[in-house]
């Protein structure tokens, strides 16, 4: 696969949002314990799989991010084949009001990573992640953080395989989704 990954101006979020992010939830992680260093993530199959689509949550679509935050310092990397966008990631950096950044300019947050369903499990996410790490290092950041949920088992496995460690467990992060647990992963650079 002859794939190109390049940084695109953040103004391209409308096009970026056309890359599907939805996935089938076939299993979840039962999170045993609250200390990330000792917590166990036990995968439990679901009797009835369902579809999670972050973009279907009102106000969470990529084109809405600029209405909530100053995204002028954010980065967007896009994976493409022959000009077709097949995946991408958005990186939050040095932005007031993004609580995961804690007001610091030495942390980058992987805000969003998506790969078109036809291209999943072909190394696109790994290449995007590696490019995101390089983007982060170029800003002299010391830490790269990622938010996911216990319902996104594949993402959790992916980030762990990239060398990320579980940093935080928040059981009450999502008032509108009380059955979902926020899991914050990070990697020190």
C-alpha atoms as a PDB file:
ATOM      1  CA  UNK A   1       0.000   0.000   0.000  1.00  0.00           C
ATOM      2  CA  UNK A   2       1.554   3.292  -1.114  1.00  0.00           C
ATOM      3  CA  UNK A   3       0.301   5.535   1.667  1.00  0.00           C
ATOM      4  CA  UNK A   4       1.277   9.131   2.305  1.00  0.00           C
ATOM      5  CA  UNK A   5       0.862  10.781   5.711  1.00  0.00           C
ATOM      6  CA  UNK A   6       1.012  14.541   5.781  1.00  0.00           C
ATOM      7  CA  UNK A   7      -0.013  17.423   7.974  1.00  0.00           C
ATOM      8  CA  UNK A   8      -3.058  19.256   6.677  1.00  0.00           C
ATOM      9  CA  UNK A   9      -4.274  22.643   7.981  1.00  0.00           C
ATOM     10  CA  UNK A  10      -6.773  22.218  10.807  1.00  0.00           C
ATOM     11  CA  UNK A  11      -9.267  24.134   8.660  1.00  0.00           C
ATOM     12  CA  UNK A  12      -9.804  20.822   6.824  1.00  0.00           C
ATOM     13  CA  UNK A  13     -11.935  19.371   9.628  1.00  0.00           C
ATOM     14  CA  UNK A  14     -15.082  19.149   7.477  1.00  0.00           C
ATOM     15  CA  UNK A  15     -13.310  16.832   5.037  1.00  0.00           C
ATOM     16  CA  UNK A  16     -11.620  14.978   7.909  1.00  0.00           C
ATOM     17  CA  UNK A  17     -15.030  14.315   9.474  1.00  0.00           C
ATOM     18  CA  UNK A  18     -16.065  12.356   6.374  1.00  0.00           C
ATOM     19  CA  UNK A  19     -13.713   9.550   7.426  1.00  0.00           C
ATOM     20  CA  UNK A  20     -15.970   7.200   9.439  1.00  0.00           C
ATOM     21  CA  UNK A  21     -15.083   6.705  13.101  1.00  0.00           C
ATOM     22  CA  UNK A  22     -17.878   4.295  14.065  1.00  0.00           C
ATOM     23  CA  UNK A  23     -17.013   0.783  15.186  1.00  0.00           C
ATOM     24  CA  UNK A  24     -18.781  -2.337  16.396  1.00  0.00           C
ATOM     25  CA  UNK A  25     -18.666  -2.928  20.133  1.00  0.00           C
ATOM     26  CA  UNK A  26     -18.445  -6.710  20.523  1.00  0.00           C
ATOM     27  CA  UNK A  27     -16.807  -6.707  23.944  1.00  0.00           C
ATOM     28  CA  UNK A  28     -15.969  -4.316  26.767  1.00  0.00           C
ATOM     29  CA  UNK A  29     -13.312  -4.134  29.402  1.00  0.00           C
ATOM     30  CA  UNK A  30     -14.472  -4.722  32.925  1.00  0.00           C
ATOM     31  CA  UNK A  31     -12.143  -2.495  34.934  1.00  0.00           C
ATOM     32  CA  UNK A  32     -11.159  -4.085  38.248  1.00  0.00           C
ATOM     33  CA  UNK A  33      -9.627  -1.524  40.579  1.00  0.00           C
ATOM     34  CA  UNK A  34      -9.130   2.218  40.418  1.00  0.00           C
ATOM     35  CA  UNK A  35      -5.335   2.467  40.547  1.00  0.00           C
ATOM     36  CA  UNK A  36      -4.104   2.452  36.931  1.00  0.00           C
ATOM     37  CA  UNK A  37      -0.843   0.786  37.984  1.00  0.00           C
ATOM     38  CA  UNK A  38      -2.613  -2.273  39.396  1.00  0.00           C
ATOM     39  CA  UNK A  39      -6.046  -2.270  37.726  1.00  0.00           C
ATOM     40  CA  UNK A  40      -7.007  -5.258  35.628  1.00  0.00           C
ATOM     41  CA  UNK A  41      -8.803  -4.913  32.319  1.00  0.00           C
ATOM     42  CA  UNK A  42     -10.853  -8.062  31.789  1.00  0.00           C
ATOM     43  CA  UNK A  43     -12.395  -8.421  28.343  1.00  0.00           C
ATOM     44  CA  UNK A  44     -16.048  -9.507  28.420  1.00  0.00           C
ATOM     45  CA  UNK A  45     -17.912 -10.499  25.267  1.00  0.00           C
ATOM     46  CA  UNK A  46     -21.295  -8.845  24.799  1.00  0.00           C
ATOM     47  CA  UNK A  47     -24.366 -10.955  24.033  1.00  0.00           C
ATOM     48  CA  UNK A  48     -25.525  -8.365  21.510  1.00  0.00           C
ATOM     49  CA  UNK A  49     -22.937  -6.227  19.660  1.00  0.00           C
ATOM     50  CA  UNK A  50     -23.797  -2.603  18.907  1.00  0.00           C
ATOM     51  CA  UNK A  51     -22.358   0.345  16.961  1.00  0.00           C
ATOM     52  CA  UNK A  52     -20.610   3.292  18.630  1.00  0.00           C
ATOM     53  CA  UNK A  53     -20.290   6.446  16.545  1.00  0.00           C
ATOM     54  CA  UNK A  54     -18.619   9.356  18.313  1.00  0.00           C
ATOM     55  CA  UNK A  55     -19.567  11.710  15.475  1.00  0.00           C
ATOM     56  CA  UNK A  56     -23.255  10.960  16.076  1.00  0.00           C
ATOM     57  CA  UNK A  57     -23.043  12.517  19.549  1.00  0.00           C
ATOM     58  CA  UNK A  58     -24.430  16.048  19.284  1.00  0.00           C
ATOM     59  CA  UNK A  59     -21.643  18.612  19.394  1.00  0.00           C
ATOM     60  CA  UNK A  60     -18.828  16.062  19.075  1.00  0.00           C
ATOM     61  CA  UNK A  61     -18.456  16.193  15.297  1.00  0.00           C
ATOM     62  CA  UNK A  62     -15.052  17.460  14.109  1.00  0.00           C
ATOM     63  CA  UNK A  63     -16.539  20.608  12.559  1.00  0.00           C
ATOM     64  CA  UNK A  64     -17.877  21.599  16.005  1.00  0.00           C
ATOM     65  CA  UNK A  65     -14.538  21.454  17.841  1.00  0.00           C
ATOM     66  CA  UNK A  66     -13.640  25.022  16.859  1.00  0.00           C
ATOM     67  CA  UNK A  67     -16.834  26.280  18.517  1.00  0.00           C
ATOM     68  CA  UNK A  68     -15.646  24.909  21.874  1.00  0.00           C
ATOM     69  CA  UNK A  69     -11.876  25.434  21.783  1.00  0.00           C
ATOM     70  CA  UNK A  70      -9.238  27.570  20.126  1.00  0.00           C
ATOM     71  CA  UNK A  71      -7.856  24.940  17.753  1.00  0.00           C
ATOM     72  CA  UNK A  72      -5.307  27.237  16.116  1.00  0.00           C
ATOM     73  CA  UNK A  73      -2.391  25.313  17.672  1.00  0.00           C
ATOM     74  CA  UNK A  74      -3.841  21.884  16.958  1.00  0.00           C
ATOM     75  CA  UNK A  75      -2.433  19.563  14.323  1.00  0.00           C
ATOM     76  CA  UNK A  76      -4.119  17.287  11.817  1.00  0.00           C
ATOM     77  CA  UNK A  77      -2.357  14.421  10.091  1.00  0.00           C
ATOM     78  CA  UNK A  78      -4.023  12.630   7.209  1.00  0.00           C
ATOM     79  CA  UNK A  79      -3.238   9.246   5.672  1.00  0.00           C
ATOM     80  CA  UNK A  80      -4.042   9.103   2.002  1.00  0.00           C
ATOM     81  CA  UNK A  81      -3.701   6.832  -0.983  1.00  0.00           C
ATOM     82  CA  UNK A  82      -3.761   8.521  -4.377  1.00  0.00           C
ATOM     83  CA  UNK A  83      -5.370  11.592  -2.806  1.00  0.00           C
ATOM     84  CA  UNK A  84      -8.144   9.661  -1.012  1.00  0.00           C
ATOM     85  CA  UNK A  85      -8.219  10.288   2.748  1.00  0.00           C
ATOM     86  CA  UNK A  86      -8.267   6.877   4.413  1.00  0.00           C
ATOM     87  CA  UNK A  87      -7.432   7.906   7.961  1.00  0.00           C
ATOM     88  CA  UNK A  88      -6.224  10.698  10.135  1.00  0.00           C
ATOM     89  CA  UNK A  89      -5.616  12.031  13.586  1.00  0.00           C
ATOM     90  CA  UNK A  90      -6.075  15.353  15.340  1.00  0.00           C
ATOM     91  CA  UNK A  91      -3.657  16.509  18.015  1.00  0.00           C
ATOM     92  CA  UNK A  92      -4.538  19.022  20.744  1.00  0.00           C
ATOM     93  CA  UNK A  93      -1.633  21.119  21.933  1.00  0.00           C
ATOM     94  CA  UNK A  94      -1.175  24.188  24.151  1.00  0.00           C
ATOM     95  CA  UNK A  95      -4.890  25.017  24.368  1.00  0.00           C
ATOM     96  CA  UNK A  96      -6.654  26.691  27.279  1.00  0.00           C
ATOM     97  CA  UNK A  97      -9.709  24.794  28.455  1.00  0.00           C
ATOM     98  CA  UNK A  98      -8.591  21.320  27.358  1.00  0.00           C
ATOM     99  CA  UNK A  99      -8.385  19.777  30.800  1.00  0.00           C
ATOM    100  CA  UNK A 100      -6.203  16.852  29.691  1.00  0.00           C
ATOM    101  CA  UNK A 101      -3.473  19.364  28.825  1.00  0.00           C
ATOM    102  CA  UNK A 102      -3.570  20.774  32.371  1.00  0.00           C
ATOM    103  CA  UNK A 103      -2.553  24.223  31.084  1.00  0.00           C
ATOM    104  CA  UNK A 104       0.857  22.872  30.091  1.00  0.00           C
ATOM    105  CA  UNK A 105       2.680  23.298  26.801  1.00  0.00           C
ATOM    106  CA  UNK A 106       4.707  20.084  27.124  1.00  0.00           C
ATOM    107  CA  UNK A 107       1.799  17.662  26.587  1.00  0.00           C
ATOM    108  CA  UNK A 108      -0.026  16.712  23.416  1.00  0.00           C
ATOM    109  CA  UNK A 109      -3.355  14.903  23.452  1.00  0.00           C
ATOM    110  CA  UNK A 110      -4.360  12.552  20.672  1.00  0.00           C
ATOM    111  CA  UNK A 111      -7.781  14.122  20.295  1.00  0.00           C
ATOM    112  CA  UNK A 112      -9.083  11.827  17.602  1.00  0.00           C
ATOM    113  CA  UNK A 113      -7.775   8.971  15.486  1.00  0.00           C
ATOM    114  CA  UNK A 114      -9.851   7.393  12.751  1.00  0.00           C
ATOM    115  CA  UNK A 115      -9.282   4.951   9.921  1.00  0.00           C
ATOM    116  CA  UNK A 116     -11.810   4.235   7.193  1.00  0.00           C
ATOM    117  CA  UNK A 117     -13.320   0.743   7.790  1.00  0.00           C
ATOM    118  CA  UNK A 118     -11.990  -0.557   4.444  1.00  0.00           C
ATOM    119  CA  UNK A 119      -8.430   0.192   5.592  1.00  0.00           C
ATOM    120  CA  UNK A 120      -8.518  -0.904   9.236  1.00  0.00           C
ATOM    121  CA  UNK A 121      -6.033  -3.537  10.456  1.00  0.00           C
ATOM    122  CA  UNK A 122      -3.609  -2.692   7.645  1.00  0.00           C
ATOM    123  CA  UNK A 123      -1.125  -0.553   9.593  1.00  0.00           C
ATOM    124  CA  UNK A 124      -2.720   2.837   8.911  1.00  0.00           C
ATOM    125  CA  UNK A 125      -3.383   3.550  12.597  1.00  0.00           C
ATOM    126  CA  UNK A 126       0.163   2.547  13.540  1.00  0.00           C
ATOM    127  CA  UNK A 127       1.656   4.870  10.916  1.00  0.00           C
ATOM    128  CA  UNK A 128      -0.608   7.711  12.069  1.00  0.00           C
ATOM    129  CA  UNK A 129       0.354   7.079  15.694  1.00  0.00           C
ATOM    130  CA  UNK A 130       4.064   7.115  14.843  1.00  0.00           C
ATOM    131  CA  UNK A 131       3.609  10.362  12.887  1.00  0.00           C
ATOM    132  CA  UNK A 132       1.681  11.855  15.805  1.00  0.00           C
ATOM    133  CA  UNK A 133       4.561  11.005  18.147  1.00  0.00           C
ATOM    134  CA  UNK A 134       6.981  12.782  15.792  1.00  0.00           C
ATOM    135  CA  UNK A 135       4.626  15.809  15.611  1.00  0.00           C
ATOM    136  CA  UNK A 136       4.553  15.847  19.422  1.00  0.00           C
ATOM    137  CA  UNK A 137       8.327  15.562  19.767  1.00  0.00           C
ATOM    138  CA  UNK A 138       8.794  18.442  17.314  1.00  0.00           C
ATOM    139  CA  UNK A 139       7.009  20.645  19.880  1.00  0.00           C
ATOM    140  CA  UNK A 140       9.354  19.493  22.657  1.00  0.00           C
ATOM    141  CA  UNK A 141       6.546  17.778  24.530  1.00  0.00           C
ATOM    142  CA  UNK A 142       7.389  15.327  27.299  1.00  0.00           C
ATOM    143  CA  UNK A 143       4.135  13.404  27.265  1.00  0.00           C
ATOM    144  CA  UNK A 144       1.595  12.126  24.743  1.00  0.00           C
ATOM    145  CA  UNK A 145      -1.887  11.374  26.130  1.00  0.00           C
ATOM    146  CA  UNK A 146      -4.818   9.467  24.696  1.00  0.00           C
ATOM    147  CA  UNK A 147      -8.404   9.168  25.891  1.00  0.00           C
ATOM    148  CA  UNK A 148     -10.477   6.117  25.114  1.00  0.00           C
ATOM    149  CA  UNK A 149     -13.173   4.116  26.822  1.00  0.00           C
ATOM    150  CA  UNK A 150     -13.617   0.614  28.143  1.00  0.00           C
ATOM    151  CA  UNK A 151     -16.073  -0.031  25.292  1.00  0.00           C
ATOM    152  CA  UNK A 152     -13.297   0.452  22.725  1.00  0.00           C
ATOM    153  CA  UNK A 153     -11.299  -2.673  23.470  1.00  0.00           C
ATOM    154  CA  UNK A 154      -9.459  -2.638  20.142  1.00  0.00           C
ATOM    155  CA  UNK A 155      -8.256   0.929  20.747  1.00  0.00           C
ATOM    156  CA  UNK A 156      -7.070   0.059  24.254  1.00  0.00           C
ATOM    157  CA  UNK A 157      -5.118  -2.928  22.909  1.00  0.00           C
ATOM    158  CA  UNK A 158      -3.697  -0.774  20.118  1.00  0.00           C
ATOM    159  CA  UNK A 159      -2.423   1.948  22.471  1.00  0.00           C
ATOM    160  CA  UNK A 160      -0.950  -0.607  24.844  1.00  0.00           C
ATOM    161  CA  UNK A 161       0.846  -2.231  21.887  1.00  0.00           C
ATOM    162  CA  UNK A 162       2.283   1.185  20.982  1.00  0.00           C
ATOM    163  CA  UNK A 163       3.928   1.371  24.421  1.00  0.00           C
ATOM    164  CA  UNK A 164       1.322   3.466  26.214  1.00  0.00           C
ATOM    165  CA  UNK A 165       0.580   2.932  29.880  1.00  0.00           C
ATOM    166  CA  UNK A 166      -2.762   3.317  31.587  1.00  0.00           C
ATOM    167  CA  UNK A 167      -2.548   6.615  33.482  1.00  0.00           C
ATOM    168  CA  UNK A 168      -6.061   7.317  34.742  1.00  0.00           C
ATOM    169  CA  UNK A 169      -9.426   5.595  35.233  1.00  0.00           C
ATOM    170  CA  UNK A 170     -12.483   7.816  35.457  1.00  0.00           C
ATOM    171  CA  UNK A 171     -15.757   5.989  36.057  1.00  0.00           C
ATOM    172  CA  UNK A 172     -17.880   9.161  36.020  1.00  0.00           C
ATOM    173  CA  UNK A 173     -16.475  11.016  33.009  1.00  0.00           C
ATOM    174  CA  UNK A 174     -19.512  10.562  30.773  1.00  0.00           C
ATOM    175  CA  UNK A 175     -22.780  11.596  32.366  1.00  0.00           C
ATOM    176  CA  UNK A 176     -24.717  10.793  29.184  1.00  0.00           C
ATOM    177  CA  UNK A 177     -23.024   7.357  28.943  1.00  0.00           C
ATOM    178  CA  UNK A 178     -22.879   6.096  32.551  1.00  0.00           C
ATOM    179  CA  UNK A 179     -21.849   2.572  31.507  1.00  0.00           C
ATOM    180  CA  UNK A 180     -18.664   3.832  29.830  1.00  0.00           C
ATOM    181  CA  UNK A 181     -15.416   4.286  31.728  1.00  0.00           C
ATOM    182  CA  UNK A 182     -12.842   6.819  30.559  1.00  0.00           C
ATOM    183  CA  UNK A 183      -9.347   5.361  30.249  1.00  0.00           C
ATOM    184  CA  UNK A 184      -6.432   7.745  29.810  1.00  0.00           C
ATOM    185  CA  UNK A 185      -3.300   6.253  28.300  1.00  0.00           C
ATOM    186  CA  UNK A 186       0.048   8.012  27.972  1.00  0.00           C
ATOM    187  CA  UNK A 187       3.561   7.623  26.785  1.00  0.00           C
ATOM    188  CA  UNK A 188       6.522   9.622  28.055  1.00  0.00           C
ATOM    189  CA  UNK A 189       8.800  10.986  25.366  1.00  0.00           C
END
